[in-house]
Amino acid sequence: MGLEIERKFLVTENLNWEELSFQQLSIRQGYLNKDAERIVRVRISNEKAFLTIKGKKTGIRNFEWEKQIPKQEAEQLLGLCEPYEVEKVRYAIRSGSHIIELDVFKGENSGLVLAEVELNSEEEEFLKPSWFGEEVSEDHKYANAYLSTHPFQQW
């Protein structure tokens, strides 16, 4: 169990993410529970699957617990999730001593591109690439849980 501290940014340029990245993941995820105190998510990332519980977000930090589960079980759980599965391709990009997780959304959220940086503290400095746009860390509309029931293409 741990604490997640991350900052999230809109991406302002469309670059060749495959060339910039050292890892690419195809992600499908759905939500079994979304309320003010906790979110329960099922994610399939390439051939691995995870069940994740996130606590109430405070600023850019929140509690996160994650456990790997069999992919077959994750497929079954996705069938129980709320509408609009979130689909995206995630590119891992090095930026100084940090890893940027850049998400290019697909399906009902296509057109949205977000970058996230996980930090060890809220005050930690990091190198911001020129393609980082507006920070949306505390804007709930850009949370994947929100996008699962309010897809970007319907905004």
N, C-alpha and C. Protein backbone atom coordinates (compact mmCIF):
# COMPACT_ATOMS: atom_id res chain seq x y z
N MET A 1 0.85 -1.16 0.00
CA MET A 1 0.00 0.00 0.00
C MET A 1 0.89 1.23 0.00
N GLY A 2 0.42 2.24 -0.73
CA GLY A 2 1.28 3.39 -0.82
C GLY A 2 0.55 4.68 -1.11
N LEU A 3 1.34 5.70 -1.19
CA LEU A 3 0.84 7.02 -1.49
C LEU A 3 1.28 7.37 -2.90
N GLU A 4 0.35 7.85 -3.72
CA GLU A 4 0.65 8.26 -5.08
C GLU A 4 0.63 9.78 -5.12
N ILE A 5 1.73 10.36 -5.63
CA ILE A 5 1.80 11.80 -5.82
C ILE A 5 2.13 12.00 -7.30
N GLU A 6 1.20 12.61 -8.03
CA GLU A 6 1.45 12.80 -9.45
C GLU A 6 0.90 14.13 -9.94
N ARG A 7 1.57 14.64 -10.97
CA ARG A 7 1.11 15.85 -11.63
C ARG A 7 0.74 15.48 -13.06
N LYS A 8 -0.31 16.11 -13.56
CA LYS A 8 -0.87 15.76 -14.86
C LYS A 8 -0.96 17.01 -15.73
N PHE A 9 -0.61 16.86 -17.02
CA PHE A 9 -0.58 17.98 -17.95
C PHE A 9 -1.25 17.60 -19.27
N LEU A 10 -1.92 18.58 -19.88
CA LEU A 10 -2.37 18.40 -21.25
C LEU A 10 -1.13 18.43 -22.13
N VAL A 11 -1.19 17.74 -23.26
CA VAL A 11 -0.06 17.71 -24.20
C VAL A 11 -0.40 18.60 -25.37
N THR A 12 0.53 19.51 -25.71
CA THR A 12 0.24 20.55 -26.71
C THR A 12 0.74 20.22 -28.11
N GLU A 13 1.56 19.21 -28.24
CA GLU A 13 2.10 18.85 -29.56
C GLU A 13 1.83 17.40 -29.86
N ASN A 14 1.77 17.08 -31.13
CA ASN A 14 1.61 15.69 -31.57
C ASN A 14 2.94 15.24 -32.15
N LEU A 15 3.75 14.60 -31.34
CA LEU A 15 5.06 14.13 -31.76
C LEU A 15 5.02 12.63 -32.02
N ASN A 16 6.12 12.10 -32.49
CA ASN A 16 6.23 10.65 -32.70
C ASN A 16 6.59 10.02 -31.36
N TRP A 17 5.55 9.67 -30.60
CA TRP A 17 5.75 9.16 -29.24
C TRP A 17 6.50 7.84 -29.23
N GLU A 18 6.31 7.03 -30.27
CA GLU A 18 7.02 5.74 -30.31
C GLU A 18 8.53 5.95 -30.33
N GLU A 19 8.99 6.96 -31.06
CA GLU A 19 10.43 7.24 -31.12
C GLU A 19 10.96 7.76 -29.79
N LEU A 20 10.16 8.53 -29.08
CA LEU A 20 10.59 9.13 -27.82
C LEU A 20 10.54 8.16 -26.65
N SER A 21 9.73 7.11 -26.76
CA SER A 21 9.48 6.24 -25.61
C SER A 21 10.40 5.02 -25.58
N PHE A 22 10.55 4.47 -24.39
CA PHE A 22 11.29 3.22 -24.23
C PHE A 22 10.35 2.06 -23.93
N GLN A 23 9.05 2.36 -23.75
CA GLN A 23 8.05 1.32 -23.49
C GLN A 23 6.70 1.81 -23.96
N GLN A 24 5.91 0.87 -24.50
CA GLN A 24 4.56 1.20 -24.96
C GLN A 24 3.60 0.14 -24.43
N LEU A 25 2.49 0.60 -23.83
CA LEU A 25 1.49 -0.32 -23.29
C LEU A 25 0.12 0.01 -23.88
N SER A 26 -0.61 -1.02 -24.22
CA SER A 26 -2.00 -0.87 -24.63
C SER A 26 -2.85 -1.15 -23.39
N ILE A 27 -3.66 -0.15 -22.99
CA ILE A 27 -4.38 -0.25 -21.72
C ILE A 27 -5.88 -0.18 -21.95
N ARG A 28 -6.60 -1.07 -21.26
CA ARG A 28 -8.07 -1.04 -21.17
C ARG A 28 -8.38 -1.03 -19.69
N GLN A 29 -9.28 -0.15 -19.27
CA GLN A 29 -9.64 -0.15 -17.86
C GLN A 29 -11.08 0.27 -17.66
N GLY A 30 -11.64 -0.25 -16.58
CA GLY A 30 -13.01 0.07 -16.22
C GLY A 30 -13.11 0.26 -14.72
N TYR A 31 -14.26 0.77 -14.28
CA TYR A 31 -14.44 1.13 -12.88
C TYR A 31 -15.61 0.38 -12.28
N LEU A 32 -15.32 -0.34 -11.19
CA LEU A 32 -16.35 -1.08 -10.45
C LEU A 32 -17.03 -0.19 -9.42
N ASN A 33 -16.30 0.80 -8.93
CA ASN A 33 -16.85 1.70 -7.91
C ASN A 33 -16.16 3.06 -8.05
N LYS A 34 -16.98 4.10 -8.00
CA LYS A 34 -16.46 5.47 -8.01
C LYS A 34 -17.33 6.28 -7.06
N ASP A 35 -16.81 6.58 -5.91
CA ASP A 35 -17.52 7.50 -5.03
C ASP A 35 -16.49 8.46 -4.45
N ALA A 36 -16.92 9.34 -3.59
CA ALA A 36 -16.04 10.39 -3.07
C ALA A 36 -14.87 9.83 -2.25
N GLU A 37 -15.03 8.67 -1.66
CA GLU A 37 -14.00 8.14 -0.76
C GLU A 37 -13.07 7.11 -1.39
N ARG A 38 -13.52 6.44 -2.47
CA ARG A 38 -12.69 5.40 -3.07
C ARG A 38 -13.10 5.10 -4.50
N ILE A 39 -12.13 4.64 -5.25
CA ILE A 39 -12.34 4.20 -6.63
C ILE A 39 -11.76 2.79 -6.73
N VAL A 40 -12.49 1.88 -7.37
CA VAL A 40 -11.99 0.53 -7.60
C VAL A 40 -11.92 0.33 -9.12
N ARG A 41 -10.70 0.07 -9.60
CA ARG A 41 -10.44 -0.01 -11.03
C ARG A 41 -9.91 -1.38 -11.42
N VAL A 42 -10.29 -1.82 -12.62
CA VAL A 42 -9.75 -3.03 -13.23
C VAL A 42 -8.99 -2.57 -14.47
N ARG A 43 -7.75 -3.04 -14.62
CA ARG A 43 -6.94 -2.62 -15.77
C ARG A 43 -6.27 -3.82 -16.40
N ILE A 44 -6.30 -3.85 -17.73
CA ILE A 44 -5.50 -4.80 -18.50
C ILE A 44 -4.48 -3.97 -19.27
N SER A 45 -3.21 -4.28 -19.03
CA SER A 45 -2.10 -3.54 -19.62
C SER A 45 -1.23 -4.55 -20.36
N ASN A 46 -1.36 -4.56 -21.70
CA ASN A 46 -0.77 -5.61 -22.53
C ASN A 46 -1.27 -6.96 -22.03
N GLU A 47 -0.39 -7.81 -21.52
CA GLU A 47 -0.82 -9.14 -21.08
C GLU A 47 -1.00 -9.26 -19.56
N LYS A 48 -0.78 -8.18 -18.84
CA LYS A 48 -0.93 -8.20 -17.39
C LYS A 48 -2.23 -7.51 -16.99
N ALA A 49 -2.75 -7.89 -15.82
CA ALA A 49 -4.01 -7.30 -15.35
C ALA A 49 -3.87 -6.95 -13.87
N PHE A 50 -4.61 -5.91 -13.46
CA PHE A 50 -4.49 -5.39 -12.10
C PHE A 50 -5.85 -4.96 -11.56
N LEU A 51 -6.00 -5.10 -10.26
CA LEU A 51 -7.13 -4.54 -9.52
C LEU A 51 -6.52 -3.45 -8.64
N THR A 52 -7.09 -2.25 -8.72
CA THR A 52 -6.53 -1.10 -8.01
C THR A 52 -7.61 -0.41 -7.20
N ILE A 53 -7.25 -0.01 -5.99
CA ILE A 53 -8.13 0.79 -5.15
C ILE A 53 -7.40 2.10 -4.87
N LYS A 54 -8.09 3.21 -5.15
CA LYS A 54 -7.53 4.53 -4.88
C LYS A 54 -8.42 5.23 -3.87
N GLY A 55 -7.78 5.90 -2.93
CA GLY A 55 -8.52 6.66 -1.93
C GLY A 55 -8.86 8.05 -2.43
N LYS A 56 -9.51 8.80 -1.58
CA LYS A 56 -9.92 10.16 -1.91
C LYS A 56 -8.68 11.00 -2.23
N LYS A 57 -8.73 11.72 -3.34
CA LYS A 57 -7.61 12.54 -3.76
C LYS A 57 -7.61 13.85 -2.99
N THR A 58 -6.42 14.23 -2.51
CA THR A 58 -6.23 15.50 -1.83
C THR A 58 -5.12 16.23 -2.56
N GLY A 59 -5.47 17.25 -3.32
CA GLY A 59 -4.48 17.95 -4.14
C GLY A 59 -3.94 17.02 -5.20
N ILE A 60 -2.63 16.75 -5.16
CA ILE A 60 -2.02 15.85 -6.15
C ILE A 60 -1.63 14.51 -5.53
N ARG A 61 -2.16 14.21 -4.35
CA ARG A 61 -1.80 12.96 -3.69
C ARG A 61 -3.04 12.15 -3.33
N ASN A 62 -2.86 10.84 -3.35
CA ASN A 62 -3.91 9.94 -2.88
C ASN A 62 -3.33 8.57 -2.56
N PHE A 63 -4.06 7.82 -1.75
CA PHE A 63 -3.70 6.45 -1.40
C PHE A 63 -3.95 5.56 -2.62
N GLU A 64 -3.04 4.60 -2.86
CA GLU A 64 -3.24 3.66 -3.96
C GLU A 64 -2.76 2.27 -3.53
N TRP A 65 -3.62 1.28 -3.77
CA TRP A 65 -3.28 -0.12 -3.54
C TRP A 65 -3.54 -0.85 -4.85
N GLU A 66 -2.58 -1.69 -5.27
CA GLU A 66 -2.74 -2.39 -6.55
C GLU A 66 -2.23 -3.81 -6.42
N LYS A 67 -2.96 -4.73 -7.04
CA LYS A 67 -2.57 -6.14 -7.00
C LYS A 67 -2.75 -6.73 -8.40
N GLN A 68 -1.75 -7.49 -8.84
CA GLN A 68 -1.87 -8.16 -10.13
C GLN A 68 -2.85 -9.33 -9.99
N ILE A 69 -3.72 -9.48 -11.00
CA ILE A 69 -4.71 -10.57 -11.03
C ILE A 69 -4.63 -11.27 -12.38
N PRO A 70 -5.16 -12.48 -12.49
CA PRO A 70 -5.15 -13.15 -13.78
C PRO A 70 -5.93 -12.35 -14.84
N LYS A 71 -5.40 -12.33 -16.04
CA LYS A 71 -6.02 -11.56 -17.13
C LYS A 71 -7.46 -12.02 -17.38
N GLN A 72 -7.71 -13.31 -17.30
CA GLN A 72 -9.05 -13.85 -17.53
C GLN A 72 -10.04 -13.29 -16.50
N GLU A 73 -9.62 -13.18 -15.27
CA GLU A 73 -10.49 -12.61 -14.23
C GLU A 73 -10.74 -11.12 -14.49
N ALA A 74 -9.72 -10.41 -14.95
CA ALA A 74 -9.88 -8.99 -15.26
C ALA A 74 -10.89 -8.80 -16.40
N GLU A 75 -10.82 -9.67 -17.40
CA GLU A 75 -11.79 -9.60 -18.52
C GLU A 75 -13.21 -9.76 -17.99
N GLN A 76 -13.41 -10.70 -17.07
CA GLN A 76 -14.74 -10.91 -16.49
C GLN A 76 -15.18 -9.70 -15.67
N LEU A 77 -14.27 -9.13 -14.89
CA LEU A 77 -14.60 -7.96 -14.09
C LEU A 77 -14.92 -6.74 -14.95
N LEU A 78 -14.25 -6.61 -16.09
CA LEU A 78 -14.55 -5.49 -16.99
C LEU A 78 -16.02 -5.52 -17.44
N GLY A 79 -16.59 -6.71 -17.51
CA GLY A 79 -18.00 -6.85 -17.88
C GLY A 79 -18.95 -6.31 -16.82
N LEU A 80 -18.46 -6.11 -15.60
CA LEU A 80 -19.28 -5.59 -14.50
C LEU A 80 -19.10 -4.08 -14.31
N CYS A 81 -18.20 -3.49 -15.06
CA CYS A 81 -17.85 -2.08 -14.84
C CYS A 81 -18.89 -1.12 -15.42
N GLU A 82 -18.77 0.13 -14.99
CA GLU A 82 -19.62 1.20 -15.49
C GLU A 82 -19.39 1.39 -16.98
N PRO A 83 -20.30 2.11 -17.65
CA PRO A 83 -20.16 2.29 -19.10
C PRO A 83 -18.85 2.98 -19.48
N TYR A 84 -18.50 2.83 -20.73
CA TYR A 84 -17.33 3.46 -21.34
C TYR A 84 -16.01 3.00 -20.72
N GLU A 85 -15.54 1.91 -21.22
CA GLU A 85 -14.21 1.45 -20.87
C GLU A 85 -13.22 2.52 -21.34
N VAL A 86 -12.21 2.79 -20.56
CA VAL A 86 -11.18 3.75 -20.95
C VAL A 86 -10.09 2.97 -21.67
N GLU A 87 -9.81 3.39 -22.91
CA GLU A 87 -8.78 2.75 -23.72
C GLU A 87 -7.72 3.79 -24.07
N LYS A 88 -6.45 3.36 -23.98
CA LYS A 88 -5.38 4.29 -24.29
C LYS A 88 -4.09 3.53 -24.58
N VAL A 89 -3.18 4.22 -25.24
CA VAL A 89 -1.83 3.72 -25.40
C VAL A 89 -0.96 4.59 -24.51
N ARG A 90 -0.18 3.94 -23.67
CA ARG A 90 0.70 4.66 -22.74
C ARG A 90 2.14 4.51 -23.20
N TYR A 91 2.81 5.65 -23.32
CA TYR A 91 4.22 5.69 -23.69
C TYR A 91 5.02 6.14 -22.47
N ALA A 92 6.07 5.41 -22.15
CA ALA A 92 6.97 5.79 -21.07
C ALA A 92 8.16 6.54 -21.68
N ILE A 93 8.36 7.77 -21.22
CA ILE A 93 9.38 8.65 -21.79
C ILE A 93 10.26 9.17 -20.66
N ARG A 94 11.57 9.08 -20.84
CA ARG A 94 12.50 9.60 -19.83
C ARG A 94 12.59 11.12 -19.95
N SER A 95 12.60 11.78 -18.81
CA SER A 95 12.77 13.23 -18.76
C SER A 95 13.62 13.53 -17.53
N GLY A 96 14.90 13.73 -17.73
CA GLY A 96 15.82 13.89 -16.61
C GLY A 96 15.82 12.61 -15.78
N SER A 97 15.59 12.72 -14.48
CA SER A 97 15.58 11.54 -13.61
C SER A 97 14.16 10.96 -13.45
N HIS A 98 13.20 11.49 -14.17
CA HIS A 98 11.80 11.04 -14.04
C HIS A 98 11.33 10.30 -15.29
N ILE A 99 10.25 9.58 -15.12
CA ILE A 99 9.58 8.91 -16.23
C ILE A 99 8.24 9.60 -16.43
N ILE A 100 7.99 10.04 -17.65
CA ILE A 100 6.69 10.62 -18.01
C ILE A 100 5.86 9.49 -18.59
N GLU A 101 4.63 9.35 -18.10
CA GLU A 101 3.67 8.41 -18.68
C GLU A 101 2.73 9.24 -19.54
N LEU A 102 2.87 9.09 -20.84
CA LEU A 102 2.07 9.85 -21.78
C LEU A 102 0.94 8.97 -22.30
N ASP A 103 -0.30 9.39 -22.10
CA ASP A 103 -1.47 8.60 -22.49
C ASP A 103 -2.15 9.22 -23.70
N VAL A 104 -2.23 8.43 -24.78
CA VAL A 104 -2.96 8.82 -25.98
C VAL A 104 -4.25 8.01 -25.95
N PHE A 105 -5.37 8.70 -25.69
CA PHE A 105 -6.64 8.02 -25.49
C PHE A 105 -7.25 7.59 -26.81
N LYS A 106 -8.06 6.52 -26.74
CA LYS A 106 -8.73 5.96 -27.90
C LYS A 106 -10.22 5.88 -27.61
N GLY A 107 -10.97 5.36 -28.57
CA GLY A 107 -12.40 5.14 -28.37
C GLY A 107 -13.14 6.43 -28.09
N GLU A 108 -14.00 6.40 -27.08
CA GLU A 108 -14.84 7.55 -26.73
C GLU A 108 -14.04 8.75 -26.20
N ASN A 109 -12.77 8.52 -25.87
CA ASN A 109 -11.92 9.60 -25.35
C ASN A 109 -10.83 10.01 -26.34
N SER A 110 -10.95 9.56 -27.61
CA SER A 110 -9.92 9.90 -28.58
C SER A 110 -9.86 11.41 -28.78
N GLY A 111 -8.65 11.88 -29.04
CA GLY A 111 -8.41 13.31 -29.15
C GLY A 111 -7.76 13.87 -27.90
N LEU A 112 -7.81 13.13 -26.81
CA LEU A 112 -7.23 13.57 -25.54
C LEU A 112 -5.85 12.94 -25.38
N VAL A 113 -4.86 13.77 -25.03
CA VAL A 113 -3.51 13.29 -24.76
C VAL A 113 -3.06 13.95 -23.46
N LEU A 114 -2.70 13.13 -22.48
CA LEU A 114 -2.27 13.61 -21.17
C LEU A 114 -0.91 13.04 -20.81
N ALA A 115 -0.14 13.80 -20.04
CA ALA A 115 1.15 13.34 -19.53
C ALA A 115 1.11 13.41 -18.01
N GLU A 116 1.62 12.36 -17.36
CA GLU A 116 1.67 12.30 -15.90
C GLU A 116 3.11 12.07 -15.45
N VAL A 117 3.45 12.68 -14.33
CA VAL A 117 4.76 12.48 -13.71
C VAL A 117 4.53 12.12 -12.25
N GLU A 118 5.03 10.96 -11.83
CA GLU A 118 4.92 10.56 -10.42
C GLU A 118 6.12 11.12 -9.67
N LEU A 119 5.82 11.64 -8.47
CA LEU A 119 6.84 12.31 -7.68
C LEU A 119 6.96 11.66 -6.30
N ASN A 120 8.07 11.92 -5.63
CA ASN A 120 8.27 11.42 -4.27
C ASN A 120 7.72 12.39 -3.23
N SER A 121 7.56 13.66 -3.60
CA SER A 121 6.97 14.65 -2.71
C SER A 121 6.26 15.70 -3.55
N GLU A 122 5.37 16.44 -2.93
CA GLU A 122 4.64 17.47 -3.65
C GLU A 122 5.54 18.62 -4.09
N GLU A 123 6.66 18.81 -3.44
CA GLU A 123 7.57 19.90 -3.75
C GLU A 123 8.66 19.51 -4.74
N GLU A 124 8.74 18.23 -5.09
CA GLU A 124 9.82 17.75 -5.95
C GLU A 124 9.81 18.45 -7.31
N GLU A 125 10.97 18.87 -7.74
CA GLU A 125 11.14 19.51 -9.05
C GLU A 125 11.34 18.44 -10.11
N PHE A 126 10.97 18.76 -11.35
CA PHE A 126 11.19 17.85 -12.48
C PHE A 126 11.29 18.67 -13.75
N LEU A 127 11.92 18.08 -14.76
CA LEU A 127 12.12 18.73 -16.04
C LEU A 127 10.83 18.63 -16.86
N LYS A 128 10.25 19.78 -17.23
CA LYS A 128 9.02 19.80 -18.02
C LYS A 128 9.38 19.95 -19.50
N PRO A 129 9.03 18.95 -20.31
CA PRO A 129 9.30 19.06 -21.75
C PRO A 129 8.48 20.21 -22.37
N SER A 130 8.94 20.70 -23.51
CA SER A 130 8.28 21.82 -24.17
C SER A 130 6.85 21.48 -24.60
N TRP A 131 6.54 20.20 -24.74
CA TRP A 131 5.20 19.81 -25.19
C TRP A 131 4.20 19.69 -24.05
N PHE A 132 4.61 19.97 -22.82
CA PHE A 132 3.67 20.05 -21.70
C PHE A 132 2.86 21.33 -21.85
N GLY A 133 1.54 21.20 -21.75
CA GLY A 133 0.67 22.35 -21.77
C GLY A 133 0.16 22.64 -20.37
N GLU A 134 -1.10 23.02 -20.30
CA GLU A 134 -1.73 23.39 -19.03
C GLU A 134 -1.70 22.24 -18.03
N GLU A 135 -1.41 22.56 -16.78
CA GLU A 135 -1.48 21.55 -15.73
C GLU A 135 -2.93 21.32 -15.35
N VAL A 136 -3.33 20.05 -15.28
CA VAL A 136 -4.72 19.68 -14.95
C VAL A 136 -4.75 18.69 -13.78
N SER A 137 -3.71 18.70 -12.95
CA SER A 137 -3.58 17.75 -11.85
C SER A 137 -4.80 17.72 -10.94
N GLU A 138 -5.39 18.87 -10.69
CA GLU A 138 -6.50 18.94 -9.74
C GLU A 138 -7.84 19.15 -10.42
N ASP A 139 -7.88 18.99 -11.74
CA ASP A 139 -9.14 19.11 -12.48
C ASP A 139 -9.74 17.71 -12.65
N HIS A 140 -10.82 17.43 -11.93
CA HIS A 140 -11.40 16.09 -11.91
C HIS A 140 -11.85 15.61 -13.30
N LYS A 141 -12.09 16.51 -14.23
CA LYS A 141 -12.55 16.10 -15.58
C LYS A 141 -11.50 15.26 -16.30
N TYR A 142 -10.24 15.40 -15.92
CA TYR A 142 -9.18 14.67 -16.60
C TYR A 142 -8.79 13.38 -15.87
N ALA A 143 -9.52 13.03 -14.84
CA ALA A 143 -9.30 11.75 -14.16
C ALA A 143 -9.92 10.64 -15.00
N ASN A 144 -9.24 9.52 -15.10
CA ASN A 144 -9.75 8.40 -15.89
C ASN A 144 -11.12 7.95 -15.41
N ALA A 145 -11.35 8.00 -14.10
CA ALA A 145 -12.65 7.59 -13.56
C ALA A 145 -13.76 8.49 -14.12
N TYR A 146 -13.51 9.77 -14.21
CA TYR A 146 -14.50 10.70 -14.77
C TYR A 146 -14.70 10.42 -16.26
N LEU A 147 -13.59 10.18 -16.97
CA LEU A 147 -13.66 9.92 -18.40
C LEU A 147 -14.43 8.64 -18.72
N SER A 148 -14.52 7.73 -17.75
CA SER A 148 -15.24 6.47 -17.99
C SER A 148 -16.76 6.68 -18.08
N THR A 149 -17.28 7.77 -17.54
CA THR A 149 -18.72 8.04 -17.62
C THR A 149 -19.03 9.37 -18.32
N HIS A 150 -18.00 10.18 -18.55
CA HIS A 150 -18.14 11.45 -19.26
C HIS A 150 -17.05 11.52 -20.32
N PRO A 151 -17.17 10.73 -21.38
CA PRO A 151 -16.09 10.65 -22.38
C PRO A 151 -15.75 12.00 -23.01
N PHE A 152 -14.48 12.18 -23.29
CA PHE A 152 -13.95 13.42 -23.85
C PHE A 152 -14.70 13.85 -25.12
N GLN A 153 -15.09 12.90 -25.95
CA GLN A 153 -15.78 13.25 -27.19
C GLN A 153 -17.18 13.82 -26.96
N GLN A 154 -17.71 13.71 -25.74
CA GLN A 154 -19.02 14.26 -25.43
C GLN A 154 -18.95 15.62 -24.72
N TRP A 155 -17.73 16.14 -24.51
CA TRP A 155 -17.59 17.42 -23.82
C TRP A 155 -18.08 18.55 -24.70
